[in-house]
């Protein structure tokens, strides 16, 4: 994704070569280069460091996520649902009810579920992924039910590094984004608990990366078509003015029917929805985003009637391919339930005969639809109070993080989870879903800056970042009465990091944009000095973020520390 794809040669009129047009003019590399810049599809070859640095930060992220992953040996927060559901999926293919006291039995490695099907409101894919860890490591250690989340979080570090590198055409900024993700506490905690949200975030981020690759690939093909078309009418030089592009404007543009990256994005978005239905917001927002990208690309290439052509040749094929692929992936995630007869509501269709055209729908699919209607009603009516529930309006300020675990012991007592003895008057062990304050609050400022930049410059990268923020955050404002939690924000966490990276890209250019190197050593030296100074500023910011993460790390990893040290890290009373 970080290197340019090989150029594809488009067909040219009979009797001509790719180097010679109708007027004998060359299909010059300079013309193609100008069209690449015009469409924002310039090739990018980061070199070997473009892989070494992302891999290094991923290794760091993996170590932080896997270190002492089995501590505490407890079912923290909603692990009590998802870990046991994962075990039931391995056993029966669908979720099962559990008897009273099942948590205690589970922790001893002896936890048989009942034979009665359970009604759950989240699709099964995330639980199947947790089940992979149980299959490999068993459930006698918390490593078994948490390792899949840790792997997902680690892969997300690699993805964000590569995506940022390609978006901003900078190996340094890619490593910058990857490092912030690797050390950030909210991301770290969600990678160390067996909840579903980290899997949804991974699939959403991967789909975003696939759509970026599709954007670059499609625009490169469109650029080659534009230059070849221009050459065929004897116009060798492409000009930015409207008059010189009239020949191109009369053309309808090439078809971009085969778009494998877009199909991959459909698979990944279908998988995200198969983890949590809230991923539908990303499906919708990303869909609008790519249609706007396609329309703008055809307009920039000088395609005549670009709006209609873009809808017919890009939007309609996308709908006809992406939706069925995503739906097939989602349906496949329910295979265990569909191939059973005992899953909750599986045989609903037998007691509810179809009427009219509904008779054309297979019975199991009708039962699955009824299941989803019931789940939708549950989500809309979910308003039960919870000690750690929070309003989306408080999320940007980190007003109410979720305490996944807390245990306190007195002096001389042995902490059962680690075997350590408390040497002071009181000790605490906690897993608090608290973001790194420096990164999180910097991200809030960065989002505001990105909004202003997008309104002022209309840079597609700012719009892409905001699309993820809108889908992951603003959609929750539509359900003000629903019970919600801070950890839902992990879905748009990558876009918060990208917003900070976008601001970092601006910082790198401070003092260099107004200078024009005229070949003199003084001007060139001034530009280099400015870049070095700006790089040092960003490295200092990263070091401050690392220091903050070291400070808060005990609250993220259940480390036993003196109570006073735990309390010192609770800066705001609402964090308790």
Protein backbone atom coordinates (compact mmCIF):
# COMPACT_ATOMS: atom_id res chain seq x y z
CA UNK A 1 0.00 0.00 0.00
CA UNK A 2 2.98 2.27 0.51
CA UNK A 3 4.52 1.78 -2.90
CA UNK A 4 3.15 2.69 -6.26
CA UNK A 5 1.43 0.04 -8.31
CA UNK A 6 2.83 -0.75 -11.76
CA UNK A 7 1.37 1.55 -14.37
CA UNK A 8 -1.35 0.01 -16.50
CA UNK A 9 -1.26 0.74 -20.19
CA UNK A 10 -4.62 1.65 -21.63
CA UNK A 11 -5.71 0.73 -25.14
CA UNK A 12 -4.82 3.27 -27.80
CA UNK A 13 -6.32 3.71 -31.26
CA UNK A 14 -5.26 1.26 -33.95
CA UNK A 15 -2.03 2.17 -35.69
CA UNK A 16 -0.67 4.06 -32.68
CA UNK A 17 1.69 3.06 -29.93
CA UNK A 18 1.64 3.99 -26.32
CA UNK A 19 4.41 6.46 -27.07
CA UNK A 20 2.88 8.01 -30.16
CA UNK A 21 -0.54 9.63 -30.47
CA UNK A 22 -2.56 10.66 -33.51
CA UNK A 23 -0.52 13.80 -33.91
CA UNK A 24 2.77 11.98 -33.42
CA UNK A 25 3.15 13.50 -29.96
CA UNK A 26 4.68 11.45 -27.19
CA UNK A 27 2.71 10.18 -24.23
CA UNK A 28 5.28 11.91 -22.10
CA UNK A 29 6.12 11.05 -18.55
CA UNK A 30 5.91 14.71 -17.65
CA UNK A 31 2.30 14.92 -18.84
CA UNK A 32 1.40 11.83 -16.84
CA UNK A 33 3.21 13.23 -13.82
CA UNK A 34 1.23 16.46 -14.06
CA UNK A 35 -2.03 14.54 -14.30
CA UNK A 36 -1.04 12.42 -11.30
CA UNK A 37 -0.52 15.61 -9.29
CA UNK A 38 -3.78 17.03 -10.56
CA UNK A 39 -5.65 13.94 -9.37
CA UNK A 40 -3.66 13.52 -6.17
CA UNK A 41 -2.32 10.12 -7.26
CA UNK A 42 1.42 10.68 -7.35
CA UNK A 43 3.44 7.47 -6.91
CA UNK A 44 5.04 7.09 -3.49
CA UNK A 45 8.03 4.86 -2.78
CA UNK A 46 9.10 5.17 0.87
CA UNK A 47 11.98 2.71 0.62
CA UNK A 48 13.11 0.19 3.19
CA UNK A 49 12.58 2.54 6.15
CA UNK A 50 8.94 2.73 5.16
CA UNK A 51 8.63 -0.83 6.44
CA UNK A 52 11.31 -0.98 9.13
CA UNK A 53 9.84 1.82 11.25
CA UNK A 54 6.20 0.59 11.13
CA UNK A 55 7.39 -2.90 12.08
CA UNK A 56 9.45 -1.53 14.97
CA UNK A 57 6.57 0.46 16.47
CA UNK A 58 4.30 -2.57 15.95
CA UNK A 59 6.71 -4.74 17.93
CA UNK A 60 6.64 -2.17 20.75
CA UNK A 61 2.84 -2.12 20.62
CA UNK A 62 2.72 -5.91 20.67
CA UNK A 63 4.99 -6.15 23.71
CA UNK A 64 2.84 -3.68 25.65
CA UNK A 65 -0.34 -5.56 24.74
CA UNK A 66 0.90 -9.09 25.41
CA UNK A 67 2.96 -8.43 28.55
CA UNK A 68 1.24 -10.01 31.60
CA UNK A 69 -1.93 -10.30 29.55
CA UNK A 70 -3.34 -13.03 31.81
CA UNK A 71 -3.36 -10.65 34.81
CA UNK A 72 -5.82 -10.28 36.37
CA UNK A 73 -7.28 -13.76 36.08
CA UNK A 74 -10.82 -12.44 36.21
CA UNK A 75 -13.72 -11.82 33.88
CA UNK A 76 -13.47 -8.04 33.74
CA UNK A 77 -16.54 -5.97 32.91
CA UNK A 78 -18.29 -7.39 29.79
CA UNK A 79 -15.76 -10.22 29.46
CA UNK A 80 -18.29 -12.13 31.53
CA UNK A 81 -20.54 -12.16 28.45
CA UNK A 82 -18.21 -12.33 25.48
CA UNK A 83 -15.66 -14.85 26.75
CA UNK A 84 -18.38 -17.29 27.75
CA UNK A 85 -20.30 -16.66 24.52
CA UNK A 86 -17.11 -17.47 22.61
CA UNK A 87 -16.82 -20.76 24.47
CA UNK A 88 -20.46 -21.54 23.67
CA UNK A 89 -19.85 -20.86 19.98
CA UNK A 90 -17.04 -23.41 20.02
CA UNK A 91 -19.31 -25.89 21.77
CA UNK A 92 -22.62 -25.48 19.96
CA UNK A 93 -22.18 -22.92 17.18
CA UNK A 94 -24.51 -20.45 18.91
CA UNK A 95 -24.69 -18.69 22.27
CA UNK A 96 -25.92 -20.59 25.34
CA UNK A 97 -27.31 -19.69 28.76
CA UNK A 98 -25.01 -20.04 31.75
CA UNK A 99 -26.04 -21.14 35.27
CA UNK A 100 -25.64 -19.07 38.42
CA UNK A 101 -22.08 -18.86 39.66
CA UNK A 102 -20.68 -19.58 36.22
CA UNK A 103 -17.97 -16.93 36.56
CA UNK A 104 -16.38 -18.66 39.53
CA UNK A 105 -16.56 -22.04 37.82
CA UNK A 106 -15.12 -20.54 34.64
CA UNK A 107 -12.04 -19.25 36.47
CA UNK A 108 -11.32 -22.73 37.80
CA UNK A 109 -11.40 -24.19 34.30
CA UNK A 110 -14.67 -26.03 34.85
CA UNK A 111 -17.59 -24.09 33.37
CA UNK A 112 -20.11 -26.11 31.40
CA UNK A 113 -22.92 -24.00 29.95
CA UNK A 114 -26.53 -25.09 29.93
CA UNK A 115 -28.22 -26.59 26.88
CA UNK A 116 -30.60 -23.65 26.53
CA UNK A 117 -29.99 -21.15 23.73
CA UNK A 118 -29.29 -17.59 24.83
CA UNK A 119 -30.64 -14.38 23.35
CA UNK A 120 -27.79 -11.97 22.61
CA UNK A 121 -27.90 -8.65 20.78
CA UNK A 122 -24.48 -8.50 19.07
CA UNK A 123 -23.52 -10.42 15.92
CA UNK A 124 -21.16 -13.35 16.42
CA UNK A 125 -17.94 -12.52 14.54
CA UNK A 126 -16.16 -10.76 17.41
CA UNK A 127 -16.98 -13.66 19.70
CA UNK A 128 -15.72 -16.12 17.11
CA UNK A 129 -12.42 -14.23 17.10
CA UNK A 130 -12.23 -14.48 20.88
CA UNK A 131 -12.98 -18.18 20.45
CA UNK A 132 -9.83 -18.56 18.35
CA UNK A 133 -7.77 -17.64 21.39
CA UNK A 134 -9.71 -20.08 23.54
CA UNK A 135 -9.11 -22.81 21.00
CA UNK A 136 -5.35 -22.22 21.03
CA UNK A 137 -4.68 -21.36 24.69
CA UNK A 138 -7.74 -22.73 26.49
CA UNK A 139 -9.77 -20.91 29.12
CA UNK A 140 -7.82 -21.92 32.21
CA UNK A 141 -5.81 -18.71 31.72
CA UNK A 142 -7.06 -15.24 30.84
CA UNK A 143 -4.54 -15.31 28.00
CA UNK A 144 -6.96 -17.56 26.13
CA UNK A 145 -9.85 -15.13 26.01
CA UNK A 146 -7.74 -11.94 25.68
CA UNK A 147 -5.05 -12.85 23.17
CA UNK A 148 -7.23 -12.24 20.10
CA UNK A 149 -7.93 -8.69 21.24
CA UNK A 150 -4.21 -8.14 21.83
CA UNK A 151 -3.39 -9.34 18.32
CA UNK A 152 -6.11 -7.09 16.87
CA UNK A 153 -4.74 -4.07 18.73
CA UNK A 154 -1.20 -4.85 17.58
CA UNK A 155 -2.27 -5.14 13.95
CA UNK A 156 -4.03 -1.78 14.29
CA UNK A 157 -0.69 -0.19 15.25
CA UNK A 158 0.84 -1.45 12.00
CA UNK A 159 -2.13 -0.33 9.93
CA UNK A 160 -2.24 3.20 11.31
CA UNK A 161 1.51 3.60 10.73
CA UNK A 162 1.25 2.49 7.11
CA UNK A 163 -1.93 4.48 6.42
CA UNK A 164 -0.53 7.69 7.90
CA UNK A 165 2.69 7.23 5.98
CA UNK A 166 0.83 6.95 2.69
CA UNK A 167 -1.67 9.74 3.38
CA UNK A 168 1.01 12.26 4.31
CA UNK A 169 3.80 10.83 2.13
CA UNK A 170 6.19 10.73 5.06
CA UNK A 171 7.95 7.81 6.74
CA UNK A 172 8.49 10.00 9.81
CA UNK A 173 4.80 10.87 10.15
CA UNK A 174 3.85 7.22 9.70
CA UNK A 175 6.14 6.27 12.58
CA UNK A 176 4.76 9.23 14.54
CA UNK A 177 1.16 7.97 14.20
CA UNK A 178 2.15 4.37 14.91
CA UNK A 179 4.06 5.31 18.05
CA UNK A 180 1.19 7.36 19.46
CA UNK A 181 -1.16 4.43 18.87
CA UNK A 182 1.25 1.90 20.37
CA UNK A 183 1.62 3.76 23.68
CA UNK A 184 -1.88 5.25 24.03
CA UNK A 185 -3.68 3.95 27.11
CA UNK A 186 -7.26 3.73 25.81
CA UNK A 187 -6.07 1.68 22.84
CA UNK A 188 -3.85 -0.39 25.13
CA UNK A 189 -6.62 -1.24 27.61
CA UNK A 190 -9.09 -2.15 24.86
CA UNK A 191 -6.42 -4.42 23.38
CA UNK A 192 -6.05 -6.22 26.71
CA UNK A 193 -9.70 -7.05 27.45
CA UNK A 194 -12.01 -9.46 25.68
CA UNK A 195 -14.55 -6.93 24.45
CA UNK A 196 -15.84 -6.60 20.89
CA UNK A 197 -14.98 -2.99 20.11
CA UNK A 198 -11.29 -3.52 19.33
CA UNK A 199 -12.22 -5.95 16.54
CA UNK A 200 -14.71 -3.54 15.02
CA UNK A 201 -12.08 -0.80 15.11
CA UNK A 202 -9.54 -3.03 13.37
CA UNK A 203 -11.91 -3.92 10.53
CA UNK A 204 -13.00 -0.30 10.11
CA UNK A 205 -9.38 0.88 9.99
CA UNK A 206 -8.43 -1.85 7.51
CA UNK A 207 -11.41 -0.93 5.33
CA UNK A 208 -10.34 2.71 5.41
CA UNK A 209 -6.87 1.67 4.28
CA UNK A 210 -8.33 -0.42 1.46
CA UNK A 211 -10.43 2.55 0.31
CA UNK A 212 -7.31 4.71 0.27
CA UNK A 213 -5.55 2.14 -1.89
CA UNK A 214 -8.60 2.06 -4.19
CA UNK A 215 -8.49 5.85 -4.42
CA UNK A 216 -4.87 5.92 -5.52
CA UNK A 217 -5.25 2.96 -7.87
CA UNK A 218 -8.38 4.30 -9.56
CA UNK A 219 -6.95 7.77 -10.01
CA UNK A 220 -3.75 6.43 -11.52
CA UNK A 221 -5.81 4.54 -14.08
CA UNK A 222 -7.90 7.64 -14.74
CA UNK A 223 -4.74 9.74 -15.16
CA UNK A 224 -3.34 7.32 -17.75
CA UNK A 225 -6.63 7.41 -19.63
CA UNK A 226 -6.66 11.22 -19.60
CA UNK A 227 -3.12 11.52 -20.95
CA UNK A 228 -3.69 8.81 -23.56
CA UNK A 229 -6.91 10.51 -24.69
CA UNK A 230 -5.16 13.86 -24.87
CA UNK A 231 -2.37 12.33 -26.91
CA UNK A 232 -4.82 10.71 -29.33
CA UNK A 233 -6.27 14.09 -30.33
CA UNK A 234 -2.81 15.57 -30.82
CA UNK A 235 -2.58 17.59 -27.60
CA UNK A 236 0.68 16.63 -25.99
CA UNK A 237 0.75 19.28 -23.28
CA UNK A 238 -1.86 19.25 -20.51
CA UNK A 239 -2.71 22.66 -19.10
CA UNK A 240 -4.52 23.47 -15.87
CA UNK A 241 -6.78 26.01 -17.55
CA UNK A 242 -10.33 25.19 -18.60
CA UNK A 243 -9.82 26.09 -22.23
CA UNK A 244 -6.97 23.66 -22.83
CA UNK A 245 -8.92 20.77 -21.31
CA UNK A 246 -12.01 21.07 -23.52
CA UNK A 247 -10.87 18.11 -25.56
CA UNK A 248 -10.84 15.99 -22.47
CA UNK A 249 -14.13 17.45 -21.24
CA UNK A 250 -15.93 16.01 -24.25
CA UNK A 251 -14.86 12.51 -23.30
CA UNK A 252 -16.87 10.33 -20.96
CA UNK A 253 -13.91 8.81 -19.17
CA UNK A 254 -12.63 5.31 -18.75
CA UNK A 255 -14.52 2.61 -16.92
CA UNK A 256 -13.04 1.58 -13.58
CA UNK A 257 -15.18 -1.50 -13.20
CA UNK A 258 -12.58 -3.87 -11.72
CA UNK A 259 -11.70 -2.42 -8.32
CA UNK A 260 -10.29 -5.17 -6.09
CA UNK A 261 -9.36 -2.78 -3.25
CA UNK A 262 -12.96 -1.63 -3.07
CA UNK A 263 -14.18 -5.21 -2.89
CA UNK A 264 -11.70 -5.85 -0.09
CA UNK A 265 -13.12 -2.83 1.72
CA UNK A 266 -16.59 -4.35 1.32
CA UNK A 267 -15.39 -7.58 2.94
CA UNK A 268 -13.83 -5.66 5.83
CA UNK A 269 -16.84 -3.42 6.40
CA UNK A 270 -19.10 -6.45 6.33
CA UNK A 271 -16.85 -8.01 8.97
CA UNK A 272 -17.00 -4.82 11.07
CA UNK A 273 -20.80 -4.91 11.03
CA UNK A 274 -20.63 -8.62 11.89
CA UNK A 275 -18.83 -7.60 15.11
CA UNK A 276 -21.14 -4.75 16.14
CA UNK A 277 -24.07 -3.26 14.27
CA UNK A 278 -22.87 0.26 15.11
CA UNK A 279 -20.31 -0.21 12.30
CA UNK A 280 -23.18 0.47 9.89
CA UNK A 281 -22.47 4.16 10.46
CA UNK A 282 -18.97 3.71 9.00
CA UNK A 283 -20.45 1.79 6.09
CA UNK A 284 -22.77 4.67 5.25
CA UNK A 285 -20.28 7.51 5.79
CA UNK A 286 -17.46 5.80 3.92
CA UNK A 287 -19.86 5.09 1.08
CA UNK A 288 -20.67 8.77 0.69
CA UNK A 289 -16.98 9.61 0.98
CA UNK A 290 -15.83 7.36 -1.87
CA UNK A 291 -18.63 8.53 -4.18
CA UNK A 292 -17.51 12.11 -3.63
CA UNK A 293 -13.93 11.04 -4.30
CA UNK A 294 -14.93 9.45 -7.60
CA UNK A 295 -16.94 12.46 -8.74
CA UNK A 296 -14.11 14.84 -7.93
CA UNK A 297 -11.59 12.62 -9.74
CA UNK A 298 -13.58 12.62 -12.98
CA UNK A 299 -14.10 16.35 -12.76
CA UNK A 300 -10.37 16.94 -12.22
CA UNK A 301 -9.55 14.69 -15.16
CA UNK A 302 -11.71 16.84 -17.42
CA UNK A 303 -14.46 14.29 -18.01
CA UNK A 304 -17.52 15.77 -19.67
CA UNK A 305 -20.76 15.51 -17.70
CA UNK A 306 -18.61 14.25 -14.84
CA UNK A 307 -21.44 14.12 -12.32
CA UNK A 308 -23.69 11.87 -14.36
CA UNK A 309 -20.80 9.79 -15.65
CA UNK A 310 -19.45 9.38 -12.12
CA UNK A 311 -22.78 8.21 -10.80
CA UNK A 312 -23.31 5.74 -13.65
CA UNK A 313 -19.78 4.39 -13.94
CA UNK A 314 -18.64 4.55 -10.32
CA UNK A 315 -21.49 4.93 -7.83
CA UNK A 316 -23.93 2.43 -9.36
CA UNK A 317 -21.31 -0.34 -9.86
CA UNK A 318 -20.11 0.27 -6.30
CA UNK A 319 -23.60 -0.20 -4.89
CA UNK A 320 -24.17 -3.32 -7.00
CA UNK A 321 -20.90 -4.94 -5.90
CA UNK A 322 -20.07 -3.63 -2.43
CA UNK A 323 -23.47 -4.18 -0.81
CA UNK A 324 -23.85 -7.85 -1.88
CA UNK A 325 -20.27 -8.67 -0.87
CA UNK A 326 -20.64 -7.03 2.54
CA UNK A 327 -24.02 -8.69 3.05
CA UNK A 328 -22.54 -12.09 2.17
CA UNK A 329 -19.74 -11.63 4.70
CA UNK A 330 -22.21 -10.59 7.36
CA UNK A 331 -24.49 -13.54 6.62
CA UNK A 332 -21.54 -15.94 6.72
CA UNK A 333 -20.74 -14.80 10.26
CA UNK A 334 -24.09 -16.27 11.33
CA UNK A 335 -23.31 -19.70 9.87
CA UNK A 336 -23.21 -21.43 13.25
CA UNK A 337 -26.69 -20.14 14.07
CA UNK A 338 -28.11 -20.76 10.58
CA UNK A 339 -26.89 -24.36 10.43
CA UNK A 340 -28.36 -25.15 13.83
CA UNK A 341 -31.95 -25.76 14.85
CA UNK A 342 -31.62 -24.87 18.52
CA UNK A 343 -30.27 -21.31 18.34
CA UNK A 344 -32.47 -18.63 19.92
CA UNK A 345 -35.32 -17.81 17.52
CA UNK A 346 -33.87 -20.10 14.86
CA UNK A 347 -37.20 -21.81 14.13
CA UNK A 348 -39.34 -18.69 14.43
CA UNK A 349 -40.45 -18.97 10.82
CA UNK A 350 -42.26 -22.24 11.50
CA UNK A 351 -44.73 -20.57 13.84
CA UNK A 352 -45.01 -17.47 11.66
CA UNK A 353 -45.89 -18.54 8.10
CA UNK A 354 -44.89 -16.19 5.34
CA UNK A 355 -47.45 -14.10 3.52
CA UNK A 356 -47.26 -12.69 0.02
CA UNK A 357 -43.79 -12.06 -1.40
CA UNK A 358 -42.23 -12.99 1.94
CA UNK A 359 -42.82 -16.58 0.90
CA UNK A 360 -39.92 -16.22 -1.56
CA UNK A 361 -37.50 -15.68 1.34
CA UNK A 362 -36.03 -18.85 2.87
CA UNK A 363 -37.35 -19.61 6.33
CA UNK A 364 -34.01 -19.38 8.19
CA UNK A 365 -33.39 -15.92 6.67
CA UNK A 366 -36.82 -14.78 7.84
CA UNK A 367 -36.00 -16.03 11.33
CA UNK A 368 -32.68 -14.16 11.21
CA UNK A 369 -34.48 -11.00 10.16
CA UNK A 370 -36.84 -11.34 13.11
CA UNK A 371 -33.83 -11.79 15.37
CA UNK A 372 -32.43 -8.49 14.11
CA UNK A 373 -35.72 -6.68 14.56
CA UNK A 374 -35.73 -7.81 18.17
CA UNK A 375 -32.08 -6.76 18.65
CA UNK A 376 -32.78 -3.33 17.12
CA UNK A 377 -35.66 -2.81 19.55
CA UNK A 378 -33.37 -3.79 22.42
CA UNK A 379 -30.64 -1.33 21.42
CA UNK A 380 -33.08 1.54 20.94
CA UNK A 381 -34.68 0.90 24.33
CA UNK A 382 -31.43 0.34 26.24
CA UNK A 383 -31.61 3.07 28.90
CA UNK A 384 -30.79 1.22 32.12
CA UNK A 385 -28.56 3.23 34.39
CA UNK A 386 -24.96 2.16 34.92
CA UNK A 387 -22.29 3.46 37.25
CA UNK A 388 -19.86 4.05 34.37
CA UNK A 389 -22.30 5.14 31.68
CA UNK A 390 -21.48 8.45 30.03
CA UNK A 391 -22.88 10.87 27.49
CA UNK A 392 -21.12 11.24 24.12
CA UNK A 393 -20.74 14.94 24.92
CA UNK A 394 -18.26 13.99 27.64
CA UNK A 395 -16.17 11.65 25.48
CA UNK A 396 -13.94 14.29 23.84
CA UNK A 397 -12.98 15.50 27.33
CA UNK A 398 -12.62 11.98 28.77
CA UNK A 399 -15.13 12.80 31.45
CA UNK A 400 -16.09 9.28 32.56
CA UNK A 401 -13.67 6.44 31.68
CA UNK A 402 -14.76 2.91 32.51
CA UNK A 403 -13.22 1.03 35.42
CA UNK A 404 -12.77 -2.53 34.20
CA UNK A 405 -11.25 -3.77 37.46
CA UNK A 406 -10.23 -2.49 40.89
CA UNK A 407 -8.91 -4.34 43.89
CA UNK A 408 -7.54 -2.94 47.13
CA UNK A 409 -5.59 -4.76 49.85
CA UNK A 410 -4.11 -3.76 53.19
CA UNK A 411 -0.55 -3.87 54.47
CA UNK A 412 0.80 -7.39 54.82
CA UNK A 413 -1.88 -8.97 52.65
CA UNK A 414 -0.94 -10.96 49.57
CA UNK A 415 -2.44 -9.91 46.27
CA UNK A 416 -3.88 -13.13 44.88
CA UNK A 417 -3.46 -12.09 41.26
CA UNK A 418 0.31 -11.65 41.39
CA UNK A 419 1.41 -13.15 44.70
CA UNK A 420 2.89 -9.81 45.81
CA UNK A 421 2.65 -8.64 49.39
CA UNK A 422 1.52 -5.09 50.11
CA UNK A 423 4.39 -3.34 51.87
CA UNK A 424 2.58 -0.09 52.71
CA UNK A 425 -0.62 0.80 54.54
CA UNK A 426 -2.79 0.11 51.48
CA UNK A 427 -2.27 -1.01 47.88
CA UNK A 428 -4.40 -0.83 44.76
CA UNK A 429 -4.63 -2.72 41.48
CA UNK A 430 -6.74 -1.29 38.67
CA UNK A 431 -7.59 -1.55 35.00
CA UNK A 432 -9.04 1.82 34.07
CA UNK A 433 -10.01 2.53 30.48
CA UNK A 434 -8.31 5.90 30.65
CA UNK A 435 -6.73 7.46 27.58
CA UNK A 436 -3.31 9.09 27.69
CA UNK A 437 -4.51 12.62 28.63
CA UNK A 438 -1.85 14.38 26.56
CA UNK A 439 -2.71 12.42 23.41
CA UNK A 440 -6.47 12.46 23.95
CA UNK A 441 -6.80 16.16 24.64
CA UNK A 442 -4.31 17.00 21.89
CA UNK A 443 -6.54 14.94 19.62
CA UNK A 444 -9.55 17.07 20.54
CA UNK A 445 -7.65 20.23 19.60
CA UNK A 446 -6.40 18.55 16.42
CA UNK A 447 -9.94 17.64 15.33
CA UNK A 448 -11.01 21.28 15.70
CA UNK A 449 -8.01 22.36 13.61
CA UNK A 450 -8.73 19.73 10.97
CA UNK A 451 -12.35 20.93 10.70
CA UNK A 452 -11.10 24.48 10.11
CA UNK A 453 -8.53 23.29 7.58
CA UNK A 454 -11.09 21.24 5.70
CA UNK A 455 -13.48 24.19 5.51
CA UNK A 456 -10.68 26.45 4.31
CA UNK A 457 -8.66 24.19 2.02
CA UNK A 458 -10.98 21.31 1.09
CA UNK A 459 -8.01 18.94 1.30
CA UNK A 460 -9.38 15.42 0.81
CA UNK A 461 -7.23 14.07 3.65
CA UNK A 462 -8.93 16.30 6.19
CA UNK A 463 -12.33 15.20 4.93
CA UNK A 464 -11.31 11.53 5.14
CA UNK A 465 -10.18 11.94 8.75
CA UNK A 466 -13.39 13.72 9.68
CA UNK A 467 -15.48 11.00 8.04
CA UNK A 468 -14.18 8.46 10.55
CA UNK A 469 -14.77 10.87 13.43
CA UNK A 470 -18.33 11.58 12.27
CA UNK A 471 -19.19 7.89 11.88
CA UNK A 472 -17.66 6.90 15.21
CA UNK A 473 -18.79 9.80 17.38
CA UNK A 474 -21.55 12.00 16.00
CA UNK A 475 -23.83 9.05 15.22
CA UNK A 476 -24.21 8.39 18.96
CA UNK A 477 -25.66 11.85 19.45
CA UNK A 478 -28.74 10.58 17.63
CA UNK A 479 -29.56 8.34 20.64
CA UNK A 480 -29.36 10.66 23.66
CA UNK A 481 -31.34 8.37 25.98
CA UNK A 482 -29.37 5.19 25.29
CA UNK A 483 -26.90 3.82 27.84
CA UNK A 484 -23.42 4.40 26.41
CA UNK A 485 -19.83 4.02 27.55
CA UNK A 486 -16.54 5.79 26.90
CA UNK A 487 -14.97 2.68 25.39
CA UNK A 488 -17.23 3.09 22.33
CA UNK A 489 -14.78 5.81 21.29
CA UNK A 490 -12.18 3.20 20.33
CA UNK A 491 -13.98 2.95 16.96
CA UNK A 492 -12.82 6.45 15.97
CA UNK A 493 -9.52 6.34 17.86
CA UNK A 494 -7.45 5.87 14.66
CA UNK A 495 -8.97 9.02 13.16
CA UNK A 496 -8.10 10.98 16.30
CA UNK A 497 -4.47 9.86 15.81
CA UNK A 498 -4.66 10.82 12.12
CA UNK A 499 -5.96 14.26 13.11
CA UNK A 500 -2.93 14.76 15.36
CA UNK A 501 -0.72 13.54 12.51
CA UNK A 502 -2.33 16.04 10.12
CA UNK A 503 -1.44 18.86 12.50
CA UNK A 504 2.06 17.40 12.86
CA UNK A 505 2.40 17.58 9.05
CA UNK A 506 1.65 21.30 9.27
CA UNK A 507 4.22 21.74 12.04
CA UNK A 508 6.87 20.13 9.84
CA UNK A 509 6.30 22.81 7.21
CA UNK A 510 6.59 25.80 9.55
CA UNK A 511 9.30 28.10 8.24
CA UNK A 512 9.71 26.25 4.94
CA UNK A 513 6.62 27.08 2.90
CA UNK A 514 7.47 30.71 2.16
CA UNK A 515 11.07 30.00 1.25
CA UNK A 516 12.08 29.27 -2.30
CA UNK A 517 15.45 27.67 -2.73
CA UNK A 518 17.19 29.52 -5.55
CA UNK A 519 20.12 27.19 -5.59
CA UNK A 520 22.08 29.15 -3.00
CA UNK A 521 23.56 27.26 -0.11
CA UNK A 522 22.05 29.75 2.37
CA UNK A 523 18.46 29.19 1.25
CA UNK A 524 18.83 25.40 1.14
CA UNK A 525 20.44 25.43 4.57
CA UNK A 526 17.63 27.55 6.04
CA UNK A 527 15.01 25.09 4.79
CA UNK A 528 16.91 22.10 6.18
CA UNK A 529 17.39 23.85 9.52
CA UNK A 530 13.66 24.65 9.75
CA UNK A 531 12.72 21.04 9.04
CA UNK A 532 15.18 19.74 11.61
CA UNK A 533 13.84 22.16 14.22
CA UNK A 534 10.25 21.14 13.51
CA UNK A 535 11.16 17.46 13.68
CA UNK A 536 12.73 17.98 17.08
CA UNK A 537 9.54 19.71 18.27
CA UNK A 538 7.45 16.70 17.24
CA UNK A 539 9.91 14.27 18.80
CA UNK A 540 9.66 16.20 22.05
CA UNK A 541 5.88 15.88 21.90
CA UNK A 542 6.23 12.12 21.40
CA UNK A 543 8.62 11.88 24.35
CA UNK A 544 6.14 13.75 26.55
CA UNK A 545 3.42 11.32 25.47
CA UNK A 546 5.70 8.38 26.30
CA UNK A 547 6.39 9.87 29.74
CA UNK A 548 2.65 10.27 30.35
CA UNK A 549 2.05 6.65 29.32
CA UNK A 550 4.79 5.42 31.68
CA UNK A 551 3.12 7.39 34.47
CA UNK A 552 -0.35 5.93 33.83
CA UNK A 553 0.75 2.43 32.84
CA UNK A 554 -0.01 0.87 36.27
CA UNK A 555 -3.67 1.95 35.87
CA UNK A 556 -3.88 0.19 32.53
CA UNK A 557 -2.22 -3.14 33.37
CA UNK A 558 -3.49 -4.06 36.88
CA UNK A 559 -0.09 -3.45 38.47
CA UNK A 560 -0.22 -3.38 42.28
CA UNK A 561 0.92 0.03 43.53
CA UNK A 562 0.55 1.96 46.80
CA UNK A 563 -2.90 3.50 47.19
CA UNK A 564 -1.42 7.00 47.32
CA UNK A 565 0.21 6.48 43.91
CA UNK A 566 -3.05 5.20 42.46
CA UNK A 567 -4.93 8.19 43.86
CA UNK A 568 -2.26 10.56 42.52
CA UNK A 569 -3.12 9.41 39.00
CA UNK A 570 -6.84 10.15 39.40
CA UNK A 571 -6.74 13.76 38.25
CA UNK A 572 -10.50 14.26 37.98
CA UNK A 573 -13.10 13.00 40.44
CA UNK A 574 -15.24 11.59 37.62
CA UNK A 575 -12.40 9.16 36.85
CA UNK A 576 -13.11 7.31 40.09
